[in-house]
PDB file of N, CA and C in Angstrom:
ATOM      1  N   MET A   1     -52.973 -40.486 -48.166  1.00  0.00           N
ATOM      2  CA  MET A   1     -52.414 -39.618 -47.148  1.00  0.00           C
ATOM      3  C   MET A   1     -51.002 -39.218 -47.579  1.00  0.00           C
ATOM      4  N   ILE A   2     -50.699 -37.956 -47.408  1.00  0.00           N
ATOM      5  CA  ILE A   2     -49.375 -37.445 -47.742  1.00  0.00           C
ATOM      6  C   ILE A   2     -48.469 -37.461 -46.521  1.00  0.00           C
ATOM      7  N   SER A   3     -49.009 -37.048 -45.372  1.00  0.00           N
ATOM      8  CA  SER A   3     -48.194 -36.997 -44.160  1.00  0.00           C
ATOM      9  C   SER A   3     -49.077 -37.134 -42.934  1.00  0.00           C
ATOM     10  N   SER A   4     -48.420 -37.261 -41.817  1.00  0.00           N
ATOM     11  CA  SER A   4     -49.115 -37.355 -40.538  1.00  0.00           C
ATOM     12  C   SER A   4     -48.243 -36.699 -39.479  1.00  0.00           C
ATOM     13  N   PHE A   5     -48.870 -35.915 -38.617  1.00  0.00           N
ATOM     14  CA  PHE A   5     -48.123 -35.310 -37.521  1.00  0.00           C
ATOM     15  C   PHE A   5     -49.051 -35.092 -36.338  1.00  0.00           C
ATOM     16  N   PRO A   6     -48.508 -35.209 -35.125  1.00  0.00           N
ATOM     17  CA  PRO A   6     -49.354 -35.049 -33.935  1.00  0.00           C
ATOM     18  C   PRO A   6     -49.677 -33.588 -33.659  1.00  0.00           C
ATOM     19  N   LEU A   7     -50.889 -33.365 -33.183  1.00  0.00           N
ATOM     20  CA  LEU A   7     -51.300 -32.045 -32.716  1.00  0.00           C
ATOM     21  C   LEU A   7     -51.489 -32.121 -31.207  1.00  0.00           C
ATOM     22  N   VAL A   8     -51.178 -31.044 -30.521  1.00  0.00           N
ATOM     23  CA  VAL A   8     -51.398 -30.963 -29.080  1.00  0.00           C
ATOM     24  C   VAL A   8     -52.367 -29.833 -28.792  1.00  0.00           C
ATOM     25  N   MET A   9     -53.180 -30.035 -27.784  1.00  0.00           N
ATOM     26  CA  MET A   9     -54.132 -29.004 -27.365  1.00  0.00           C
ATOM     27  C   MET A   9     -53.435 -28.130 -26.331  1.00  0.00           C
ATOM     28  N   GLU A  10     -53.310 -26.852 -26.647  1.00  0.00           N
ATOM     29  CA  GLU A  10     -52.675 -25.909 -25.733  1.00  0.00           C
ATOM     30  C   GLU A  10     -53.710 -24.898 -25.265  1.00  0.00           C
ATOM     31  N   VAL A  11     -53.720 -24.654 -23.970  1.00  0.00           N
ATOM     32  CA  VAL A  11     -54.696 -23.749 -23.375  1.00  0.00           C
ATOM     33  C   VAL A  11     -53.948 -22.663 -22.610  1.00  0.00           C
ATOM     34  N   ASN A  12     -54.402 -21.430 -22.770  1.00  0.00           N
ATOM     35  CA  ASN A  12     -53.798 -20.318 -22.043  1.00  0.00           C
ATOM     36  C   ASN A  12     -53.906 -20.563 -20.543  1.00  0.00           C
ATOM     37  N   LEU A  13     -52.866 -20.199 -19.814  1.00  0.00           N
ATOM     38  CA  LEU A  13     -52.821 -20.458 -18.368  1.00  0.00           C
ATOM     39  C   LEU A  13     -53.904 -19.727 -17.584  1.00  0.00           C
ATOM     40  N   ALA A  14     -54.490 -18.686 -18.143  1.00  0.00           N
ATOM     41  CA  ALA A  14     -55.548 -17.948 -17.440  1.00  0.00           C
ATOM     42  C   ALA A  14     -56.873 -18.706 -17.435  1.00  0.00           C
ATOM     43  N   VAL A  15     -57.004 -19.695 -18.291  1.00  0.00           N
ATOM     44  CA  VAL A  15     -58.234 -20.488 -18.340  1.00  0.00           C
ATOM     45  C   VAL A  15     -58.268 -21.392 -17.107  1.00  0.00           C
ATOM     46  N   PRO A  16     -59.372 -21.392 -16.374  1.00  0.00           N
ATOM     47  CA  PRO A  16     -59.440 -22.190 -15.143  1.00  0.00           C
ATOM     48  C   PRO A  16     -59.704 -23.674 -15.406  1.00  0.00           C
ATOM     49  N   ALA A  17     -58.880 -24.265 -16.254  1.00  0.00           N
ATOM     50  CA  ALA A  17     -59.001 -25.693 -16.571  1.00  0.00           C
ATOM     51  C   ALA A  17     -57.596 -26.251 -16.718  1.00  0.00           C
ATOM     52  N   LYS A  18     -57.327 -27.343 -16.035  1.00  0.00           N
ATOM     53  CA  LYS A  18     -55.999 -27.955 -16.087  1.00  0.00           C
ATOM     54  C   LYS A  18     -56.006 -29.312 -16.779  1.00  0.00           C
ATOM     55  N   THR A  19     -57.194 -29.828 -17.108  1.00  0.00           N
ATOM     56  CA  THR A  19     -57.316 -31.104 -17.802  1.00  0.00           C
ATOM     57  C   THR A  19     -58.275 -30.928 -18.976  1.00  0.00           C
ATOM     58  N   VAL A  20     -58.274 -31.888 -19.882  1.00  0.00           N
ATOM     59  CA  VAL A  20     -59.188 -31.810 -21.021  1.00  0.00           C
ATOM     60  C   VAL A  20     -60.647 -31.855 -20.562  1.00  0.00           C
ATOM     61  N   PRO A  21     -61.033 -32.763 -19.648  1.00  0.00           N
ATOM     62  CA  PRO A  21     -62.429 -32.734 -19.181  1.00  0.00           C
ATOM     63  C   PRO A  21     -62.816 -31.405 -18.527  1.00  0.00           C
ATOM     64  N   GLU A  22     -61.906 -30.791 -17.778  1.00  0.00           N
ATOM     65  CA  GLU A  22     -62.183 -29.487 -17.172  1.00  0.00           C
ATOM     66  C   GLU A  22     -62.361 -28.421 -18.255  1.00  0.00           C
ATOM     67  N   PHE A  23     -61.540 -28.492 -19.323  1.00  0.00           N
ATOM     68  CA  PHE A  23     -61.676 -27.524 -20.412  1.00  0.00           C
ATOM     69  C   PHE A  23     -63.010 -27.699 -21.126  1.00  0.00           C
ATOM     70  N   ILE A  24     -63.404 -28.939 -21.353  1.00  0.00           N
ATOM     71  CA  ILE A  24     -64.689 -29.194 -22.002  1.00  0.00           C
ATOM     72  C   ILE A  24     -65.825 -28.622 -21.171  1.00  0.00           C
ATOM     73  N   ALA A  25     -65.791 -28.835 -19.861  1.00  0.00           N
ATOM     74  CA  ALA A  25     -66.823 -28.293 -18.975  1.00  0.00           C
ATOM     75  C   ALA A  25     -66.817 -26.767 -19.023  1.00  0.00           C
ATOM     76  N   TYR A  26     -65.633 -26.166 -19.025  1.00  0.00           N
ATOM     77  CA  TYR A  26     -65.506 -24.710 -19.096  1.00  0.00           C
ATOM     78  C   TYR A  26     -66.084 -24.183 -20.414  1.00  0.00           C
ATOM     79  N   ALA A  27     -65.741 -24.836 -21.524  1.00  0.00           N
ATOM     80  CA  ALA A  27     -66.230 -24.404 -22.833  1.00  0.00           C
ATOM     81  C   ALA A  27     -67.748 -24.555 -22.929  1.00  0.00           C
ATOM     82  N   LYS A  28     -68.289 -25.629 -22.370  1.00  0.00           N
ATOM     83  CA  LYS A  28     -69.741 -25.822 -22.394  1.00  0.00           C
ATOM     84  C   LYS A  28     -70.458 -24.787 -21.541  1.00  0.00           C
ATOM     85  N   ALA A  29     -69.818 -24.352 -20.458  1.00  0.00           N
ATOM     86  CA  ALA A  29     -70.411 -23.333 -19.592  1.00  0.00           C
ATOM     87  C   ALA A  29     -70.313 -21.934 -20.205  1.00  0.00           C
ATOM     88  N   ASN A  30     -69.451 -21.780 -21.219  1.00  0.00           N
ATOM     89  CA  ASN A  30     -69.237 -20.485 -21.881  1.00  0.00           C
ATOM     90  C   ASN A  30     -69.331 -20.631 -23.399  1.00  0.00           C
ATOM     91  N   PRO A  31     -70.480 -21.081 -23.930  1.00  0.00           N
ATOM     92  CA  PRO A  31     -70.576 -21.334 -25.370  1.00  0.00           C
ATOM     93  C   PRO A  31     -70.340 -20.078 -26.210  1.00  0.00           C
ATOM     94  N   GLY A  32     -69.433 -20.204 -27.178  1.00  0.00           N
ATOM     95  CA  GLY A  32     -69.138 -19.088 -28.070  1.00  0.00           C
ATOM     96  C   GLY A  32     -68.253 -18.017 -27.470  1.00  0.00           C
ATOM     97  N   LYS A  33     -67.866 -18.158 -26.207  1.00  0.00           N
ATOM     98  CA  LYS A  33     -67.027 -17.150 -25.547  1.00  0.00           C
ATOM     99  C   LYS A  33     -65.564 -17.567 -25.469  1.00  0.00           C
ATOM    100  N   VAL A  34     -65.290 -18.832 -25.753  1.00  0.00           N
ATOM    101  CA  VAL A  34     -63.924 -19.335 -25.735  1.00  0.00           C
ATOM    102  C   VAL A  34     -63.387 -19.271 -27.157  1.00  0.00           C
ATOM    103  N   SER A  35     -62.257 -18.598 -27.345  1.00  0.00           N
ATOM    104  CA  SER A  35     -61.696 -18.416 -28.677  1.00  0.00           C
ATOM    105  C   SER A  35     -60.650 -19.479 -28.979  1.00  0.00           C
ATOM    106  N   MET A  36     -60.743 -20.042 -30.181  1.00  0.00           N
ATOM    107  CA  MET A  36     -59.832 -21.075 -30.646  1.00  0.00           C
ATOM    108  C   MET A  36     -59.029 -20.529 -31.822  1.00  0.00           C
ATOM    109  N   ALA A  37     -57.724 -20.492 -31.684  1.00  0.00           N
ATOM    110  CA  ALA A  37     -56.858 -20.039 -32.768  1.00  0.00           C
ATOM    111  C   ALA A  37     -56.635 -21.173 -33.755  1.00  0.00           C
ATOM    112  N   SER A  38     -56.368 -20.804 -34.993  1.00  0.00           N
ATOM    113  CA  SER A  38     -55.889 -21.771 -35.983  1.00  0.00           C
ATOM    114  C   SER A  38     -54.914 -21.043 -36.895  1.00  0.00           C
ATOM    115  N   SER A  39     -54.166 -21.819 -37.654  1.00  0.00           N
ATOM    116  CA  SER A  39     -53.216 -21.191 -38.573  1.00  0.00           C
ATOM    117  C   SER A  39     -53.856 -20.906 -39.928  1.00  0.00           C
ATOM    118  N   GLY A  40     -55.183 -20.819 -39.940  1.00  0.00           N
ATOM    119  CA  GLY A  40     -55.907 -20.432 -41.141  1.00  0.00           C
ATOM    120  C   GLY A  40     -57.096 -21.332 -41.397  1.00  0.00           C
ATOM    121  N   ASN A  41     -58.062 -20.824 -42.134  1.00  0.00           N
ATOM    122  CA  ASN A  41     -59.255 -21.594 -42.477  1.00  0.00           C
ATOM    123  C   ASN A  41     -58.874 -22.850 -43.253  1.00  0.00           C
ATOM    124  N   GLY A  42     -59.384 -23.992 -42.814  1.00  0.00           N
ATOM    125  CA  GLY A  42     -59.126 -25.250 -43.492  1.00  0.00           C
ATOM    126  C   GLY A  42     -57.800 -25.896 -43.165  1.00  0.00           C
ATOM    127  N   SER A  43     -57.020 -25.273 -42.294  1.00  0.00           N
ATOM    128  CA  SER A  43     -55.728 -25.852 -41.901  1.00  0.00           C
ATOM    129  C   SER A  43     -55.961 -27.066 -41.001  1.00  0.00           C
ATOM    130  N   PRO A  44     -54.953 -27.917 -40.835  1.00  0.00           N
ATOM    131  CA  PRO A  44     -55.119 -29.046 -39.913  1.00  0.00           C
ATOM    132  C   PRO A  44     -55.519 -28.601 -38.503  1.00  0.00           C
ATOM    133  N   GLN A  45     -54.996 -27.464 -38.060  1.00  0.00           N
ATOM    134  CA  GLN A  45     -55.334 -26.953 -36.738  1.00  0.00           C
ATOM    135  C   GLN A  45     -56.810 -26.573 -36.667  1.00  0.00           C
ATOM    136  N   HIS A  46     -57.324 -25.955 -37.714  1.00  0.00           N
ATOM    137  CA  HIS A  46     -58.736 -25.578 -37.778  1.00  0.00           C
ATOM    138  C   HIS A  46     -59.609 -26.829 -37.795  1.00  0.00           C
ATOM    139  N   ILE A  47     -59.249 -27.793 -38.633  1.00  0.00           N
ATOM    140  CA  ILE A  47     -60.027 -29.026 -38.726  1.00  0.00           C
ATOM    141  C   ILE A  47     -60.016 -29.772 -37.396  1.00  0.00           C
ATOM    142  N   ALA A  48     -58.867 -29.790 -36.711  1.00  0.00           N
ATOM    143  CA  ALA A  48     -58.795 -30.441 -35.399  1.00  0.00           C
ATOM    144  C   ALA A  48     -59.731 -29.755 -34.407  1.00  0.00           C
ATOM    145  N   GLY A  49     -59.786 -28.434 -34.447  1.00  0.00           N
ATOM    146  CA  GLY A  49     -60.679 -27.701 -33.557  1.00  0.00           C
ATOM    147  C   GLY A  49     -62.141 -27.970 -33.852  1.00  0.00           C
ATOM    148  N   VAL A  50     -62.485 -28.042 -35.119  1.00  0.00           N
ATOM    149  CA  VAL A  50     -63.869 -28.354 -35.499  1.00  0.00           C
ATOM    150  C   VAL A  50     -64.213 -29.772 -35.060  1.00  0.00           C
ATOM    151  N   PHE A  51     -63.302 -30.695 -35.276  1.00  0.00           N
ATOM    152  CA  PHE A  51     -63.524 -32.080 -34.859  1.00  0.00           C
ATOM    153  C   PHE A  51     -63.682 -32.166 -33.342  1.00  0.00           C
ATOM    154  N   PHE A  52     -62.852 -31.422 -32.606  1.00  0.00           N
ATOM    155  CA  PHE A  52     -62.953 -31.386 -31.141  1.00  0.00           C
ATOM    156  C   PHE A  52     -64.340 -30.906 -30.724  1.00  0.00           C
ATOM    157  N   GLN A  53     -64.830 -29.854 -31.364  1.00  0.00           N
ATOM    158  CA  GLN A  53     -66.160 -29.333 -31.041  1.00  0.00           C
ATOM    159  C   GLN A  53     -67.249 -30.362 -31.330  1.00  0.00           C
ATOM    160  N   MET A  54     -67.139 -31.054 -32.453  1.00  0.00           N
ATOM    161  CA  MET A  54     -68.129 -32.070 -32.809  1.00  0.00           C
ATOM    162  C   MET A  54     -68.120 -33.219 -31.802  1.00  0.00           C
ATOM    163  N   MET A  55     -66.948 -33.625 -31.375  1.00  0.00           N
ATOM    164  CA  MET A  55     -66.826 -34.762 -30.466  1.00  0.00           C
ATOM    165  C   MET A  55     -67.247 -34.413 -29.037  1.00  0.00           C
ATOM    166  N   THR A  56     -67.132 -33.141 -28.650  1.00  0.00           N
ATOM    167  CA  THR A  56     -67.387 -32.756 -27.263  1.00  0.00           C
ATOM    168  C   THR A  56     -68.675 -31.964 -27.067  1.00  0.00           C
ATOM    169  N   GLY A  57     -69.290 -31.528 -28.151  1.00  0.00           N
ATOM    170  CA  GLY A  57     -70.505 -30.721 -28.031  1.00  0.00           C
ATOM    171  C   GLY A  57     -70.239 -29.308 -27.551  1.00  0.00           C
ATOM    172  N   THR A  58     -69.033 -28.812 -27.791  1.00  0.00           N
ATOM    173  CA  THR A  58     -68.686 -27.454 -27.393  1.00  0.00           C
ATOM    174  C   THR A  58     -68.859 -26.507 -28.574  1.00  0.00           C
ATOM    175  N   GLN A  59     -68.873 -25.213 -28.280  1.00  0.00           N
ATOM    176  CA  GLN A  59     -68.989 -24.186 -29.308  1.00  0.00           C
ATOM    177  C   GLN A  59     -67.874 -23.178 -29.076  1.00  0.00           C
ATOM    178  N   LEU A  60     -66.825 -23.243 -29.884  1.00  0.00           N
ATOM    179  CA  LEU A  60     -65.687 -22.352 -29.752  1.00  0.00           C
ATOM    180  C   LEU A  60     -65.733 -21.300 -30.850  1.00  0.00           C
ATOM    181  N   ASN A  61     -65.221 -20.114 -30.556  1.00  0.00           N
ATOM    182  CA  ASN A  61     -65.159 -19.021 -31.515  1.00  0.00           C
ATOM    183  C   ASN A  61     -63.852 -19.151 -32.299  1.00  0.00           C
ATOM    184  N   HIS A  62     -63.941 -19.474 -33.589  1.00  0.00           N
ATOM    185  CA  HIS A  62     -62.745 -19.674 -34.416  1.00  0.00           C
ATOM    186  C   HIS A  62     -62.102 -18.342 -34.783  1.00  0.00           C
ATOM    187  N   VAL A  63     -60.783 -18.253 -34.537  1.00  0.00           N
ATOM    188  CA  VAL A  63     -60.008 -17.066 -34.897  1.00  0.00           C
ATOM    189  C   VAL A  63     -58.866 -17.523 -35.798  1.00  0.00           C
ATOM    190  N   PRO A  64     -59.005 -17.355 -37.120  1.00  0.00           N
ATOM    191  CA  PRO A  64     -57.942 -17.794 -38.030  1.00  0.00           C
ATOM    192  C   PRO A  64     -56.779 -16.794 -38.066  1.00  0.00           C
ATOM    193  N   TYR A  65     -55.572 -17.323 -38.135  1.00  0.00           N
ATOM    194  CA  TYR A  65     -54.356 -16.510 -38.240  1.00  0.00           C
ATOM    195  C   TYR A  65     -53.646 -16.849 -39.539  1.00  0.00           C
ATOM    196  N   HIS A  66     -52.670 -16.063 -39.897  1.00  0.00           N
ATOM    197  CA  HIS A  66     -51.835 -16.338 -41.067  1.00  0.00           C
ATOM    198  C   HIS A  66     -50.599 -17.109 -40.598  1.00  0.00           C
ATOM    199  N   GLY A  67     -50.804 -18.345 -40.172  1.00  0.00           N
ATOM    200  CA  GLY A  67     -49.707 -19.183 -39.712  1.00  0.00           C
ATOM    201  C   GLY A  67     -49.758 -19.452 -38.223  1.00  0.00           C
ATOM    202  N   GLY A  68     -48.936 -20.413 -37.803  1.00  0.00           N
ATOM    203  CA  GLY A  68     -48.929 -20.830 -36.414  1.00  0.00           C
ATOM    204  C   GLY A  68     -48.245 -19.867 -35.467  1.00  0.00           C
ATOM    205  N   ALA A  69     -47.189 -19.193 -35.930  1.00  0.00           N
ATOM    206  CA  ALA A  69     -46.444 -18.297 -35.030  1.00  0.00           C
ATOM    207  C   ALA A  69     -47.332 -17.205 -34.441  1.00  0.00           C
ATOM    208  N   PRO A  70     -48.103 -16.463 -35.245  1.00  0.00           N
ATOM    209  CA  PRO A  70     -48.955 -15.443 -34.634  1.00  0.00           C
ATOM    210  C   PRO A  70     -50.049 -16.038 -33.745  1.00  0.00           C
ATOM    211  N   ALA A  71     -50.498 -17.249 -34.064  1.00  0.00           N
ATOM    212  CA  ALA A  71     -51.508 -17.901 -33.220  1.00  0.00           C
ATOM    213  C   ALA A  71     -50.928 -18.206 -31.846  1.00  0.00           C
ATOM    214  N   ILE A  72     -49.702 -18.711 -31.812  1.00  0.00           N
ATOM    215  CA  ILE A  72     -49.062 -19.027 -30.533  1.00  0.00           C
ATOM    216  C   ILE A  72     -48.804 -17.759 -29.733  1.00  0.00           C
ATOM    217  N   VAL A  73     -48.387 -16.695 -30.395  1.00  0.00           N
ATOM    218  CA  VAL A  73     -48.137 -15.424 -29.695  1.00  0.00           C
ATOM    219  C   VAL A  73     -49.414 -14.952 -29.015  1.00  0.00           C
ATOM    220  N   ASP A  74     -50.532 -14.978 -29.729  1.00  0.00           N
ATOM    221  CA  ASP A  74     -51.791 -14.524 -29.134  1.00  0.00           C
ATOM    222  C   ASP A  74     -52.316 -15.495 -28.080  1.00  0.00           C
ATOM    223  N   LEU A  75     -52.015 -16.793 -28.227  1.00  0.00           N
ATOM    224  CA  LEU A  75     -52.381 -17.747 -27.183  1.00  0.00           C
ATOM    225  C   LEU A  75     -51.647 -17.404 -25.889  1.00  0.00           C
ATOM    226  N   MET A  76     -50.351 -17.173 -25.985  1.00  0.00           N
ATOM    227  CA  MET A  76     -49.562 -16.836 -24.796  1.00  0.00           C
ATOM    228  C   MET A  76     -49.998 -15.501 -24.200  1.00  0.00           C
ATOM    229  N   ALA A  77     -50.430 -14.573 -25.051  1.00  0.00           N
ATOM    230  CA  ALA A  77     -50.860 -13.252 -24.578  1.00  0.00           C
ATOM    231  C   ALA A  77     -52.285 -13.253 -24.033  1.00  0.00           C
ATOM    232  N   GLY A  78     -53.010 -14.363 -24.215  1.00  0.00           N
ATOM    233  CA  GLY A  78     -54.369 -14.440 -23.701  1.00  0.00           C
ATOM    234  C   GLY A  78     -55.434 -13.889 -24.640  1.00  0.00           C
ATOM    235  N   GLN A  79     -55.067 -13.583 -25.886  1.00  0.00           N
ATOM    236  CA  GLN A  79     -56.049 -13.096 -26.849  1.00  0.00           C
ATOM    237  C   GLN A  79     -56.986 -14.210 -27.303  1.00  0.00           C
ATOM    238  N   VAL A  80     -56.481 -15.452 -27.297  1.00  0.00           N
ATOM    239  CA  VAL A  80     -57.275 -16.647 -27.580  1.00  0.00           C
ATOM    240  C   VAL A  80     -57.007 -17.634 -26.449  1.00  0.00           C
ATOM    241  N   GLN A  81     -57.915 -18.562 -26.243  1.00  0.00           N
ATOM    242  CA  GLN A  81     -57.796 -19.458 -25.105  1.00  0.00           C
ATOM    243  C   GLN A  81     -57.272 -20.849 -25.459  1.00  0.00           C
ATOM    244  N   VAL A  82     -57.423 -21.302 -26.695  1.00  0.00           N
ATOM    245  CA  VAL A  82     -57.001 -22.650 -27.050  1.00  0.00           C
ATOM    246  C   VAL A  82     -56.454 -22.673 -28.473  1.00  0.00           C
ATOM    247  N   TYR A  83     -55.494 -23.569 -28.696  1.00  0.00           N
ATOM    248  CA  TYR A  83     -54.886 -23.746 -30.013  1.00  0.00           C
ATOM    249  C   TYR A  83     -54.474 -25.197 -30.148  1.00  0.00           C
ATOM    250  N   PHE A  84     -54.838 -25.820 -31.238  1.00  0.00           N
ATOM    251  CA  PHE A  84     -54.416 -27.185 -31.537  1.00  0.00           C
ATOM    252  C   PHE A  84     -53.189 -27.063 -32.434  1.00  0.00           C
ATOM    253  N   SER A  85     -52.036 -27.292 -31.847  1.00  0.00           N
ATOM    254  CA  SER A  85     -50.772 -26.979 -32.494  1.00  0.00           C
ATOM    255  C   SER A  85     -49.992 -28.235 -32.871  1.00  0.00           C
ATOM    256  N   PRO A  86     -49.253 -28.179 -33.994  1.00  0.00           N
ATOM    257  CA  PRO A  86     -48.333 -29.276 -34.279  1.00  0.00           C
ATOM    258  C   PRO A  86     -47.279 -29.355 -33.170  1.00  0.00           C
ATOM    259  N   LEU A  87     -46.993 -30.539 -32.722  1.00  0.00           N
ATOM    260  CA  LEU A  87     -46.069 -30.717 -31.602  1.00  0.00           C
ATOM    261  C   LEU A  87     -44.719 -30.034 -31.820  1.00  0.00           C
ATOM    262  N   PRO A  88     -44.066 -30.192 -32.974  1.00  0.00           N
ATOM    263  CA  PRO A  88     -42.747 -29.535 -33.132  1.00  0.00           C
ATOM    264  C   PRO A  88     -42.815 -28.012 -32.977  1.00  0.00           C
ATOM    265  N   GLU A  89     -43.958 -27.420 -33.336  1.00  0.00           N
ATOM    266  CA  GLU A  89     -44.119 -25.976 -33.257  1.00  0.00           C
ATOM    267  C   GLU A  89     -44.171 -25.483 -31.816  1.00  0.00           C
ATOM    268  N   SER A  90     -44.529 -26.372 -30.895  1.00  0.00           N
ATOM    269  CA  SER A  90     -44.795 -25.941 -29.526  1.00  0.00           C
ATOM    270  C   SER A  90     -43.942 -26.598 -28.453  1.00  0.00           C
ATOM    271  N   VAL A  91     -42.977 -27.410 -28.826  1.00  0.00           N
ATOM    272  CA  VAL A  91     -42.173 -28.129 -27.835  1.00  0.00           C
ATOM    273  C   VAL A  91     -41.514 -27.176 -26.843  1.00  0.00           C
ATOM    274  N   ALA A  92     -40.924 -26.113 -27.316  1.00  0.00           N
ATOM    275  CA  ALA A  92     -40.243 -25.179 -26.407  1.00  0.00           C
ATOM    276  C   ALA A  92     -41.211 -24.557 -25.419  1.00  0.00           C
ATOM    277  N   MET A  93     -42.378 -24.159 -25.892  1.00  0.00           N
ATOM    278  CA  MET A  93     -43.377 -23.545 -25.003  1.00  0.00           C
ATOM    279  C   MET A  93     -43.879 -24.559 -23.978  1.00  0.00           C
ATOM    280  N   ILE A  94     -44.101 -25.785 -24.398  1.00  0.00           N
ATOM    281  CA  ILE A  94     -44.582 -26.828 -23.482  1.00  0.00           C
ATOM    282  C   ILE A  94     -43.534 -27.101 -22.410  1.00  0.00           C
ATOM    283  N   LYS A  95     -42.272 -27.204 -22.820  1.00  0.00           N
ATOM    284  CA  LYS A  95     -41.198 -27.490 -21.862  1.00  0.00           C
ATOM    285  C   LYS A  95     -41.025 -26.355 -20.851  1.00  0.00           C
ATOM    286  N   SER A  96     -41.322 -25.116 -21.270  1.00  0.00           N
ATOM    287  CA  SER A  96     -41.154 -23.982 -20.361  1.00  0.00           C
ATOM    288  C   SER A  96     -42.357 -23.791 -19.441  1.00  0.00           C
ATOM    289  N   GLY A  97     -43.413 -24.589 -19.671  1.00  0.00           N
ATOM    290  CA  GLY A  97     -44.593 -24.510 -18.804  1.00  0.00           C
ATOM    291  C   GLY A  97     -45.621 -23.540 -19.303  1.00  0.00           C
TER     292      GLY A  97
END
């Protein structure tokens, strides 16, 4: 292992889920309709999303971006519904609600 860093699951506020179990239920009720951003194919964010799908039995639509910044912008704009983000990348957004 070279490094380790925490990822947080961020969900757009328009999604009618406020907890992880509620999000899982929402994603299962809408298979393939919930979009998951990542900072690119094979990135830690992408792998975390794939692992989340495997562990929960959900089917998310992967939308790869060229880095985390554009993924976060589209998450906030509602273009995608979920993003597994490195904590330092999202602290300001989390603190602002």
